[in-house]
């Protein structure tokens, strides 16, 4: 896969991972604890887990293939564990990088 295509997939998965994280924290968790519907966390958590692993794998692939620094990878990881982090990084950094690929 080319670097440009990998970066495109990375950005798409980053947005999906961010949406799944926000849905997990702000929709599924309240449903579990306030409305006593635990299946919401099971479903949202499973989807988020798959997207999180995909995000980290693609970030590592970009680090290696795109000659990115460990700091870049660390920022990507930090963005993935903060609510709205992937949206912020996409807006501030990754969009600019996509133009240069």
PDB file of N, CA and C in Angstrom:
ATOM      1  N   UNK A   1       0.850  -1.168   0.000  1.00  0.00           N
ATOM      2  CA  UNK A   1       0.000   0.000   0.000  1.00  0.00           C
ATOM      3  C   UNK A   1       0.902   1.239   0.000  1.00  0.00           C
ATOM      4  N   UNK A   2       0.525   2.225  -0.781  1.00  0.00           N
ATOM      5  CA  UNK A   2       1.325   3.438  -0.855  1.00  0.00           C
ATOM      6  C   UNK A   2       1.180   4.263   0.417  1.00  0.00           C
ATOM      7  N   UNK A   3       2.123   5.153   0.615  1.00  0.00           N
ATOM      8  CA  UNK A   3       2.104   6.008   1.803  1.00  0.00           C
ATOM      9  C   UNK A   3       0.863   6.898   1.810  1.00  0.00           C
ATOM     10  N   UNK A   4       0.504   7.424   0.660  1.00  0.00           N
ATOM     11  CA  UNK A   4      -0.667   8.301   0.577  1.00  0.00           C
ATOM     12  C   UNK A   4      -1.947   7.534   0.920  1.00  0.00           C
ATOM     13  N   UNK A   5      -2.063   6.311   0.417  1.00  0.00           N
ATOM     14  CA  UNK A   5      -3.249   5.500   0.699  1.00  0.00           C
ATOM     15  C   UNK A   5      -3.294   5.105   2.180  1.00  0.00           C
ATOM     16  N   UNK A   6      -2.147   4.761   2.746  1.00  0.00           N
ATOM     17  CA  UNK A   6      -2.082   4.424   4.164  1.00  0.00           C
ATOM     18  C   UNK A   6      -2.495   5.619   5.013  1.00  0.00           C
ATOM     19  N   UNK A   7      -2.013   6.803   4.648  1.00  0.00           N
ATOM     20  CA  UNK A   7      -2.369   8.004   5.408  1.00  0.00           C
ATOM     21  C   UNK A   7      -3.855   8.309   5.275  1.00  0.00           C
ATOM     22  N   UNK A   8      -4.421   8.075   4.106  1.00  0.00           N
ATOM     23  CA  UNK A   8      -5.854   8.276   3.911  1.00  0.00           C
ATOM     24  C   UNK A   8      -6.652   7.340   4.806  1.00  0.00           C
ATOM     25  N   UNK A   9      -6.268   6.078   4.853  1.00  0.00           N
ATOM     26  CA  UNK A   9      -6.941   5.106   5.724  1.00  0.00           C
ATOM     27  C   UNK A   9      -6.761   5.489   7.193  1.00  0.00           C
ATOM     28  N   UNK A  10      -5.566   5.949   7.540  1.00  0.00           N
ATOM     29  CA  UNK A  10      -5.285   6.371   8.907  1.00  0.00           C
ATOM     30  C   UNK A  10      -6.241   7.477   9.343  1.00  0.00           C
ATOM     31  N   UNK A  11      -6.442   8.476   8.502  1.00  0.00           N
ATOM     32  CA  UNK A  11      -7.337   9.579   8.838  1.00  0.00           C
ATOM     33  C   UNK A  11      -8.785   9.102   8.959  1.00  0.00           C
ATOM     34  N   UNK A  12      -9.209   8.221   8.079  1.00  0.00           N
ATOM     35  CA  UNK A  12     -10.578   7.698   8.150  1.00  0.00           C
ATOM     36  C   UNK A  12     -10.793   6.892   9.425  1.00  0.00           C
ATOM     37  N   UNK A  13      -9.842   6.036   9.745  1.00  0.00           N
ATOM     38  CA  UNK A  13      -9.955   5.233  10.960  1.00  0.00           C
ATOM     39  C   UNK A  13      -9.856   6.129  12.194  1.00  0.00           C
ATOM     40  N   UNK A  14      -9.040   7.179  12.140  1.00  0.00           N
ATOM     41  CA  UNK A  14      -8.922   8.113  13.265  1.00  0.00           C
ATOM     42  C   UNK A  14     -10.261   8.768  13.568  1.00  0.00           C
ATOM     43  N   UNK A  15     -10.961   9.199  12.548  1.00  0.00           N
ATOM     44  CA  UNK A  15     -12.268   9.831  12.755  1.00  0.00           C
ATOM     45  C   UNK A  15     -13.268   8.807  13.289  1.00  0.00           C
ATOM     46  N   UNK A  16     -13.281   7.602  12.713  1.00  0.00           N
ATOM     47  CA  UNK A  16     -14.194   6.555  13.189  1.00  0.00           C
ATOM     48  C   UNK A  16     -13.873   6.173  14.633  1.00  0.00           C
ATOM     49  N   UNK A  17     -12.593   6.097  14.975  1.00  0.00           N
ATOM     50  CA  UNK A  17     -12.177   5.767  16.336  1.00  0.00           C
ATOM     51  C   UNK A  17     -12.615   6.868  17.295  1.00  0.00           C
ATOM     52  N   UNK A  18     -12.473   8.108  16.879  1.00  0.00           N
ATOM     53  CA  UNK A  18     -12.905   9.233  17.706  1.00  0.00           C
ATOM     54  C   UNK A  18     -14.407   9.220  17.946  1.00  0.00           C
ATOM     55  N   UNK A  19     -15.170   8.948  16.904  1.00  0.00           N
ATOM     56  CA  UNK A  19     -16.628   8.875  17.039  1.00  0.00           C
ATOM     57  C   UNK A  19     -17.019   7.729  17.968  1.00  0.00           C
ATOM     58  N   UNK A  20     -16.367   6.574  17.804  1.00  0.00           N
ATOM     59  CA  UNK A  20     -16.708   5.429  18.659  1.00  0.00           C
ATOM     60  C   UNK A  20     -16.353   5.700  20.118  1.00  0.00           C
ATOM     61  N   UNK A  21     -15.260   6.409  20.365  1.00  0.00           N
ATOM     62  CA  UNK A  21     -14.859   6.729  21.734  1.00  0.00           C
ATOM     63  C   UNK A  21     -15.851   7.694  22.382  1.00  0.00           C
ATOM     64  N   UNK A  22     -16.243   8.722  21.634  1.00  0.00           N
ATOM     65  CA  UNK A  22     -17.215   9.683  22.148  1.00  0.00           C
ATOM     66  C   UNK A  22     -18.552   8.984  22.409  1.00  0.00           C
ATOM     67  N   UNK A  23     -18.962   8.107  21.494  1.00  0.00           N
ATOM     68  CA  UNK A  23     -20.214   7.373  21.683  1.00  0.00           C
ATOM     69  C   UNK A  23     -20.129   6.458  22.908  1.00  0.00           C
ATOM     70  N   UNK A  24     -18.989   5.829  23.092  1.00  0.00           N
ATOM     71  CA  UNK A  24     -18.805   4.952  24.245  1.00  0.00           C
ATOM     72  C   UNK A  24     -18.890   5.734  25.552  1.00  0.00           C
ATOM     73  N   UNK A  25     -18.180   6.849  25.621  1.00  0.00           N
ATOM     74  CA  UNK A  25     -18.105   7.610  26.869  1.00  0.00           C
ATOM     75  C   UNK A  25     -19.383   8.387  27.157  1.00  0.00           C
ATOM     76  N   UNK A  26     -19.950   9.020  26.137  1.00  0.00           N
ATOM     77  CA  UNK A  26     -21.058   9.938  26.374  1.00  0.00           C
ATOM     78  C   UNK A  26     -22.451   9.361  26.094  1.00  0.00           C
ATOM     79  N   UNK A  27     -22.521   8.199  25.458  1.00  0.00           N
ATOM     80  CA  UNK A  27     -23.828   7.587  25.196  1.00  0.00           C
ATOM     81  C   UNK A  27     -23.927   6.223  25.875  1.00  0.00           C
ATOM     82  N   UNK A  28     -23.003   5.319  25.555  1.00  0.00           N
ATOM     83  CA  UNK A  28     -23.105   3.945  26.062  1.00  0.00           C
ATOM     84  C   UNK A  28     -22.907   3.859  27.578  1.00  0.00           C
ATOM     85  N   UNK A  29     -21.929   4.584  28.111  1.00  0.00           N
ATOM     86  CA  UNK A  29     -21.696   4.528  29.565  1.00  0.00           C
ATOM     87  C   UNK A  29     -22.888   5.073  30.348  1.00  0.00           C
ATOM     88  N   UNK A  30     -23.447   6.229  29.972  1.00  0.00           N
ATOM     89  CA  UNK A  30     -24.651   6.666  30.688  1.00  0.00           C
ATOM     90  C   UNK A  30     -25.816   5.684  30.542  1.00  0.00           C
ATOM     91  N   UNK A  31     -25.959   5.073  29.375  1.00  0.00           N
ATOM     92  CA  UNK A  31     -27.016   4.077  29.221  1.00  0.00           C
ATOM     93  C   UNK A  31     -26.802   2.897  30.168  1.00  0.00           C
ATOM     94  N   UNK A  32     -25.556   2.500  30.334  1.00  0.00           N
ATOM     95  CA  UNK A  32     -25.263   1.373  31.222  1.00  0.00           C
ATOM     96  C   UNK A  32     -25.559   1.730  32.675  1.00  0.00           C
ATOM     97  N   UNK A  33     -25.076   2.866  33.121  1.00  0.00           N
ATOM     98  CA  UNK A  33     -25.168   3.174  34.543  1.00  0.00           C
ATOM     99  C   UNK A  33     -26.440   3.913  34.943  1.00  0.00           C
ATOM    100  N   UNK A  34     -27.026   4.672  34.054  1.00  0.00           N
ATOM    101  CA  UNK A  34     -28.226   5.419  34.409  1.00  0.00           C
ATOM    102  C   UNK A  34     -29.509   4.699  33.997  1.00  0.00           C
ATOM    103  N   UNK A  35     -29.480   4.052  32.827  1.00  0.00           N
ATOM    104  CA  UNK A  35     -30.682   3.376  32.330  1.00  0.00           C
ATOM    105  C   UNK A  35     -30.618   1.863  32.497  1.00  0.00           C
ATOM    106  N   UNK A  36     -29.507   1.383  33.069  1.00  0.00           N
ATOM    107  CA  UNK A  36     -29.334  -0.062  33.311  1.00  0.00           C
ATOM    108  C   UNK A  36     -29.445  -0.890  32.028  1.00  0.00           C
ATOM    109  N   UNK A  37     -28.775  -0.398  30.967  1.00  0.00           N
ATOM    110  CA  UNK A  37     -28.726  -1.111  29.685  1.00  0.00           C
ATOM    111  C   UNK A  37     -27.257  -1.450  29.394  1.00  0.00           C
ATOM    112  N   UNK A  38     -26.723  -2.533  29.953  1.00  0.00           N
ATOM    113  CA  UNK A  38     -25.294  -2.838  29.801  1.00  0.00           C
ATOM    114  C   UNK A  38     -24.882  -3.266  28.392  1.00  0.00           C
ATOM    115  N   UNK A  39     -25.817  -3.699  27.575  1.00  0.00           N
ATOM    116  CA  UNK A  39     -25.473  -4.136  26.220  1.00  0.00           C
ATOM    117  C   UNK A  39     -24.916  -2.985  25.384  1.00  0.00           C
ATOM    118  N   UNK A  40     -25.272  -1.757  25.723  1.00  0.00           N
ATOM    119  CA  UNK A  40     -24.776  -0.599  24.988  1.00  0.00           C
ATOM    120  C   UNK A  40     -23.255  -0.511  25.075  1.00  0.00           C
ATOM    121  N   UNK A  41     -22.701  -0.757  26.256  1.00  0.00           N
ATOM    122  CA  UNK A  41     -21.246  -0.715  26.430  1.00  0.00           C
ATOM    123  C   UNK A  41     -20.593  -1.907  25.738  1.00  0.00           C
ATOM    124  N   UNK A  42     -21.253  -3.042  25.763  1.00  0.00           N
ATOM    125  CA  UNK A  42     -20.707  -4.223  25.096  1.00  0.00           C
ATOM    126  C   UNK A  42     -20.556  -3.974  23.602  1.00  0.00           C
ATOM    127  N   UNK A  43     -21.570  -3.428  22.987  1.00  0.00           N
ATOM    128  CA  UNK A  43     -21.539  -3.178  21.539  1.00  0.00           C
ATOM    129  C   UNK A  43     -20.572  -2.046  21.206  1.00  0.00           C
ATOM    130  N   UNK A  44     -20.749  -0.891  21.855  1.00  0.00           N
ATOM    131  CA  UNK A  44     -19.891   0.265  21.558  1.00  0.00           C
ATOM    132  C   UNK A  44     -18.443  -0.021  21.931  1.00  0.00           C
ATOM    133  N   UNK A  45     -18.234  -0.730  23.034  1.00  0.00           N
ATOM    134  CA  UNK A  45     -16.871  -1.051  23.459  1.00  0.00           C
ATOM    135  C   UNK A  45     -16.165  -1.984  22.497  1.00  0.00           C
ATOM    136  N   UNK A  46     -16.887  -2.945  21.971  1.00  0.00           N
ATOM    137  CA  UNK A  46     -16.297  -3.874  20.992  1.00  0.00           C
ATOM    138  C   UNK A  46     -15.907  -3.135  19.716  1.00  0.00           C
ATOM    139  N   UNK A  47     -16.795  -2.301  19.228  1.00  0.00           N
ATOM    140  CA  UNK A  47     -16.488  -1.535  18.007  1.00  0.00           C
ATOM    141  C   UNK A  47     -15.312  -0.596  18.249  1.00  0.00           C
ATOM    142  N   UNK A  48     -15.311   0.067  19.401  1.00  0.00           N
ATOM    143  CA  UNK A  48     -14.217   0.983  19.716  1.00  0.00           C
ATOM    144  C   UNK A  48     -12.892   0.229  19.831  1.00  0.00           C
ATOM    145  N   UNK A  49     -12.911  -0.949  20.431  1.00  0.00           N
ATOM    146  CA  UNK A  49     -11.684  -1.731  20.565  1.00  0.00           C
ATOM    147  C   UNK A  49     -11.073  -2.102  19.226  1.00  0.00           C
ATOM    148  N   UNK A  50     -11.915  -2.520  18.308  1.00  0.00           N
ATOM    149  CA  UNK A  50     -11.431  -2.871  16.966  1.00  0.00           C
ATOM    150  C   UNK A  50     -10.862  -1.643  16.264  1.00  0.00           C
ATOM    151  N   UNK A  51     -11.559  -0.528  16.368  1.00  0.00           N
ATOM    152  CA  UNK A  51     -11.081   0.702  15.735  1.00  0.00           C
ATOM    153  C   UNK A  51      -9.812   1.218  16.399  1.00  0.00           C
ATOM    154  N   UNK A  52      -9.699   1.089  17.713  1.00  0.00           N
ATOM    155  CA  UNK A  52      -8.496   1.526  18.419  1.00  0.00           C
ATOM    156  C   UNK A  52      -7.281   0.723  17.964  1.00  0.00           C
ATOM    157  N   UNK A  53      -7.429  -0.592  17.889  1.00  0.00           N
ATOM    158  CA  UNK A  53      -6.323  -1.440  17.442  1.00  0.00           C
ATOM    159  C   UNK A  53      -5.947  -1.110  15.999  1.00  0.00           C
ATOM    160  N   UNK A  54      -6.941  -0.893  15.146  1.00  0.00           N
ATOM    161  CA  UNK A  54      -6.673  -0.525  13.754  1.00  0.00           C
ATOM    162  C   UNK A  54      -5.939   0.814  13.677  1.00  0.00           C
ATOM    163  N   UNK A  55      -6.360   1.760  14.496  1.00  0.00           N
ATOM    164  CA  UNK A  55      -5.729   3.080  14.530  1.00  0.00           C
ATOM    165  C   UNK A  55      -4.256   2.973  14.924  1.00  0.00           C
ATOM    166  N   UNK A  56      -3.974   2.241  15.992  1.00  0.00           N
ATOM    167  CA  UNK A  56      -2.593   2.095  16.452  1.00  0.00           C
ATOM    168  C   UNK A  56      -1.753   1.370  15.406  1.00  0.00           C
ATOM    169  N   UNK A  57      -2.317   0.343  14.776  1.00  0.00           N
ATOM    170  CA  UNK A  57      -1.586  -0.391  13.719  1.00  0.00           C
ATOM    171  C   UNK A  57      -1.256   0.529  12.554  1.00  0.00           C
ATOM    172  N   UNK A  58      -2.236   1.315  12.105  1.00  0.00           N
ATOM    173  CA  UNK A  58      -1.982   2.233  10.996  1.00  0.00           C
ATOM    174  C   UNK A  58      -1.009   3.338  11.395  1.00  0.00           C
ATOM    175  N   UNK A  59      -1.089   3.815  12.630  1.00  0.00           N
ATOM    176  CA  UNK A  59      -0.142   4.833  13.102  1.00  0.00           C
ATOM    177  C   UNK A  59       1.280   4.266  13.095  1.00  0.00           C
ATOM    178  N   UNK A  60       1.422   3.015  13.530  1.00  0.00           N
ATOM    179  CA  UNK A  60       2.747   2.395  13.520  1.00  0.00           C
ATOM    180  C   UNK A  60       3.242   2.204  12.079  1.00  0.00           C
ATOM    181  N   UNK A  61       2.364   1.761  11.196  1.00  0.00           N
ATOM    182  CA  UNK A  61       2.745   1.603   9.786  1.00  0.00           C
ATOM    183  C   UNK A  61       3.213   2.927   9.199  1.00  0.00           C
ATOM    184  N   UNK A  62       2.516   4.002   9.522  1.00  0.00           N
ATOM    185  CA  UNK A  62       2.920   5.323   9.037  1.00  0.00           C
ATOM    186  C   UNK A  62       4.233   5.761   9.651  1.00  0.00           C
ATOM    187  N   UNK A  63       4.438   5.453  10.915  1.00  0.00           N
ATOM    188  CA  UNK A  63       5.692   5.815  11.573  1.00  0.00           C
ATOM    189  C   UNK A  63       6.863   5.159  10.861  1.00  0.00           C
ATOM    190  N   UNK A  64       6.701   3.890  10.543  1.00  0.00           N
ATOM    191  CA  UNK A  64       7.784   3.147   9.899  1.00  0.00           C
ATOM    192  C   UNK A  64       7.944   3.553   8.433  1.00  0.00           C
ATOM    193  N   UNK A  65       6.858   3.502   7.660  1.00  0.00           N
ATOM    194  CA  UNK A  65       6.930   3.775   6.219  1.00  0.00           C
ATOM    195  C   UNK A  65       7.125   5.261   5.911  1.00  0.00           C
ATOM    196  N   UNK A  66       6.520   6.107   6.734  1.00  0.00           N
ATOM    197  CA  UNK A  66       6.593   7.544   6.482  1.00  0.00           C
ATOM    198  C   UNK A  66       7.739   8.232   7.184  1.00  0.00           C
ATOM    199  N   UNK A  67       8.602   7.448   7.849  1.00  0.00           N
ATOM    200  CA  UNK A  67       9.754   7.980   8.552  1.00  0.00           C
ATOM    201  C   UNK A  67       9.341   9.031   9.588  1.00  0.00           C
ATOM    202  N   UNK A  68       8.285   8.726  10.336  1.00  0.00           N
ATOM    203  CA  UNK A  68       7.798   9.622  11.385  1.00  0.00           C
ATOM    204  C   UNK A  68       8.585   9.361  12.672  1.00  0.00           C
ATOM    205  N   UNK A  69       8.594  10.340  13.543  1.00  0.00           N
ATOM    206  CA  UNK A  69       9.341  10.221  14.792  1.00  0.00           C
ATOM    207  C   UNK A  69       8.518   9.489  15.847  1.00  0.00           C
ATOM    208  N   UNK A  70       9.202   9.107  16.908  1.00  0.00           N
ATOM    209  CA  UNK A  70       8.512   8.491  18.042  1.00  0.00           C
ATOM    210  C   UNK A  70       7.588   9.507  18.702  1.00  0.00           C
ATOM    211  N   UNK A  71       7.937  10.765  18.643  1.00  0.00           N
ATOM    212  CA  UNK A  71       7.082  11.815  19.197  1.00  0.00           C
ATOM    213  C   UNK A  71       5.782  11.888  18.411  1.00  0.00           C
ATOM    214  N   UNK A  72       5.837  11.773  17.092  1.00  0.00           N
ATOM    215  CA  UNK A  72       4.627  11.770  16.263  1.00  0.00           C
ATOM    216  C   UNK A  72       3.727  10.608  16.671  1.00  0.00           C
ATOM    217  N   UNK A  73       4.331   9.423  16.836  1.00  0.00           N
ATOM    218  CA  UNK A  73       3.555   8.252  17.238  1.00  0.00           C
ATOM    219  C   UNK A  73       2.961   8.461  18.629  1.00  0.00           C
ATOM    220  N   UNK A  74       3.730   9.046  19.529  1.00  0.00           N
ATOM    221  CA  UNK A  74       3.236   9.332  20.872  1.00  0.00           C
ATOM    222  C   UNK A  74       2.053  10.288  20.852  1.00  0.00           C
ATOM    223  N   UNK A  75       2.117  11.302  19.991  1.00  0.00           N
ATOM    224  CA  UNK A  75       1.002  12.245  19.865  1.00  0.00           C
ATOM    225  C   UNK A  75      -0.233  11.544  19.300  1.00  0.00           C
ATOM    226  N   UNK A  76      -0.017  10.663  18.346  1.00  0.00           N
ATOM    227  CA  UNK A  76      -1.138   9.910  17.777  1.00  0.00           C
ATOM    228  C   UNK A  76      -1.774   9.028  18.850  1.00  0.00           C
ATOM    229  N   UNK A  77      -0.940   8.365  19.651  1.00  0.00           N
ATOM    230  CA  UNK A  77      -1.468   7.521  20.726  1.00  0.00           C
ATOM    231  C   UNK A  77      -2.224   8.363  21.747  1.00  0.00           C
ATOM    232  N   UNK A  78      -1.658   9.500  22.128  1.00  0.00           N
ATOM    233  CA  UNK A  78      -2.322  10.379  23.093  1.00  0.00           C
ATOM    234  C   UNK A  78      -3.666  10.870  22.550  1.00  0.00           C
ATOM    235  N   UNK A  79      -3.701  11.207  21.262  1.00  0.00           N
ATOM    236  CA  UNK A  79      -4.954  11.653  20.645  1.00  0.00           C
ATOM    237  C   UNK A  79      -6.008  10.555  20.691  1.00  0.00           C
ATOM    238  N   UNK A  80      -5.573   9.307  20.617  1.00  0.00           N
ATOM    239  CA  UNK A  80      -6.542   8.205  20.601  1.00  0.00           C
ATOM    240  C   UNK A  80      -7.127   7.903  21.969  1.00  0.00           C
ATOM    241  N   UNK A  81      -6.490   8.338  23.042  1.00  0.00           N
ATOM    242  CA  UNK A  81      -7.006   8.040  24.377  1.00  0.00           C
ATOM    243  C   UNK A  81      -7.698   9.242  25.024  1.00  0.00           C
ATOM    244  N   UNK A  82      -7.703  10.382  24.361  1.00  0.00           N
ATOM    245  CA  UNK A  82      -8.409  11.563  24.855  1.00  0.00           C
ATOM    246  C   UNK A  82      -9.697  11.761  24.069  1.00  0.00           C
ATOM    247  N   UNK A  83     -10.802  12.001  24.742  1.00  0.00           N
ATOM    248  CA  UNK A  83     -12.026  12.297  23.987  1.00  0.00           C
ATOM    249  C   UNK A  83     -11.804  13.519  23.097  1.00  0.00           C
ATOM    250  N   UNK A  84     -12.220  13.439  21.870  1.00  0.00           N
ATOM    251  CA  UNK A  84     -12.075  14.473  20.847  1.00  0.00           C
ATOM    252  C   UNK A  84     -10.623  14.674  20.391  1.00  0.00           C
ATOM    253  N   UNK A  85      -9.692  13.855  20.886  1.00  0.00           N
ATOM    254  CA  UNK A  85      -8.281  14.001  20.525  1.00  0.00           C
ATOM    255  C   UNK A  85      -8.008  13.760  19.054  1.00  0.00           C
ATOM    256  N   UNK A  86      -8.642  12.747  18.479  1.00  0.00           N
ATOM    257  CA  UNK A  86      -8.396  12.466  17.060  1.00  0.00           C
ATOM    258  C   UNK A  86      -8.971  13.561  16.171  1.00  0.00           C
ATOM    259  N   UNK A  87     -10.082  14.164  16.602  1.00  0.00           N
ATOM    260  CA  UNK A  87     -10.661  15.267  15.818  1.00  0.00           C
ATOM    261  C   UNK A  87      -9.727  16.471  15.838  1.00  0.00           C
ATOM    262  N   UNK A  88      -9.179  16.771  17.008  1.00  0.00           N
ATOM    263  CA  UNK A  88      -8.257  17.902  17.148  1.00  0.00           C
ATOM    264  C   UNK A  88      -6.999  17.677  16.305  1.00  0.00           C
ATOM    265  N   UNK A  89      -6.415  16.475  16.403  1.00  0.00           N
ATOM    266  CA  UNK A  89      -5.194  16.192  15.636  1.00  0.00           C
ATOM    267  C   UNK A  89      -5.468  16.202  14.134  1.00  0.00           C
ATOM    268  N   UNK A  90      -6.636  15.714  13.730  1.00  0.00           N
ATOM    269  CA  UNK A  90      -6.954  15.742  12.297  1.00  0.00           C
ATOM    270  C   UNK A  90      -7.064  17.183  11.821  1.00  0.00           C
ATOM    271  N   UNK A  91      -7.678  18.016  12.618  1.00  0.00           N
ATOM    272  CA  UNK A  91      -7.864  19.422  12.240  1.00  0.00           C
ATOM    273  C   UNK A  91      -6.531  20.182  12.243  1.00  0.00           C
ATOM    274  N   UNK A  92      -5.683  19.932  13.243  1.00  0.00           N
ATOM    275  CA  UNK A  92      -4.450  20.705  13.409  1.00  0.00           C
ATOM    276  C   UNK A  92      -3.262  20.172  12.615  1.00  0.00           C
ATOM    277  N   UNK A  93      -3.093  18.854  12.542  1.00  0.00           N
ATOM    278  CA  UNK A  93      -1.851  18.321  11.993  1.00  0.00           C
ATOM    279  C   UNK A  93      -2.022  17.373  10.820  1.00  0.00           C
ATOM    280  N   UNK A  94      -2.907  16.407  10.956  1.00  0.00           N
ATOM    281  CA  UNK A  94      -2.960  15.348   9.956  1.00  0.00           C
ATOM    282  C   UNK A  94      -3.492  15.831   8.619  1.00  0.00           C
ATOM    283  N   UNK A  95      -4.370  16.806   8.616  1.00  0.00           N
ATOM    284  CA  UNK A  95      -4.897  17.344   7.361  1.00  0.00           C
ATOM    285  C   UNK A  95      -3.767  17.998   6.554  1.00  0.00           C
ATOM    286  N   UNK A  96      -2.909  18.718   7.266  1.00  0.00           N
ATOM    287  CA  UNK A  96      -1.753  19.373   6.636  1.00  0.00           C
ATOM    288  C   UNK A  96      -0.770  18.324   6.093  1.00  0.00           C
ATOM    289  N   UNK A  97      -0.546  17.263   6.876  1.00  0.00           N
ATOM    290  CA  UNK A  97       0.343  16.203   6.429  1.00  0.00           C
ATOM    291  C   UNK A  97      -0.190  15.467   5.216  1.00  0.00           C
ATOM    292  N   UNK A  98      -1.508  15.292   5.153  1.00  0.00           N
ATOM    293  CA  UNK A  98      -2.132  14.593   4.023  1.00  0.00           C
ATOM    294  C   UNK A  98      -1.889  15.355   2.733  1.00  0.00           C
ATOM    295  N   UNK A  99      -1.870  16.672   2.800  1.00  0.00           N
ATOM    296  CA  UNK A  99      -1.618  17.478   1.616  1.00  0.00           C
ATOM    297  C   UNK A  99      -0.193  17.319   1.107  1.00  0.00           C
ATOM    298  N   UNK A 100       0.748  17.016   2.015  1.00  0.00           N
ATOM    299  CA  UNK A 100       2.144  16.879   1.606  1.00  0.00           C
ATOM    300  C   UNK A 100       2.507  15.468   1.151  1.00  0.00           C
ATOM    301  N   UNK A 101       1.627  14.488   1.383  1.00  0.00           N
ATOM    302  CA  UNK A 101       1.910  13.097   0.965  1.00  0.00           C
ATOM    303  C   UNK A 101       1.785  12.939  -0.526  1.00  0.00           C
TER     304      UNK A 101
END
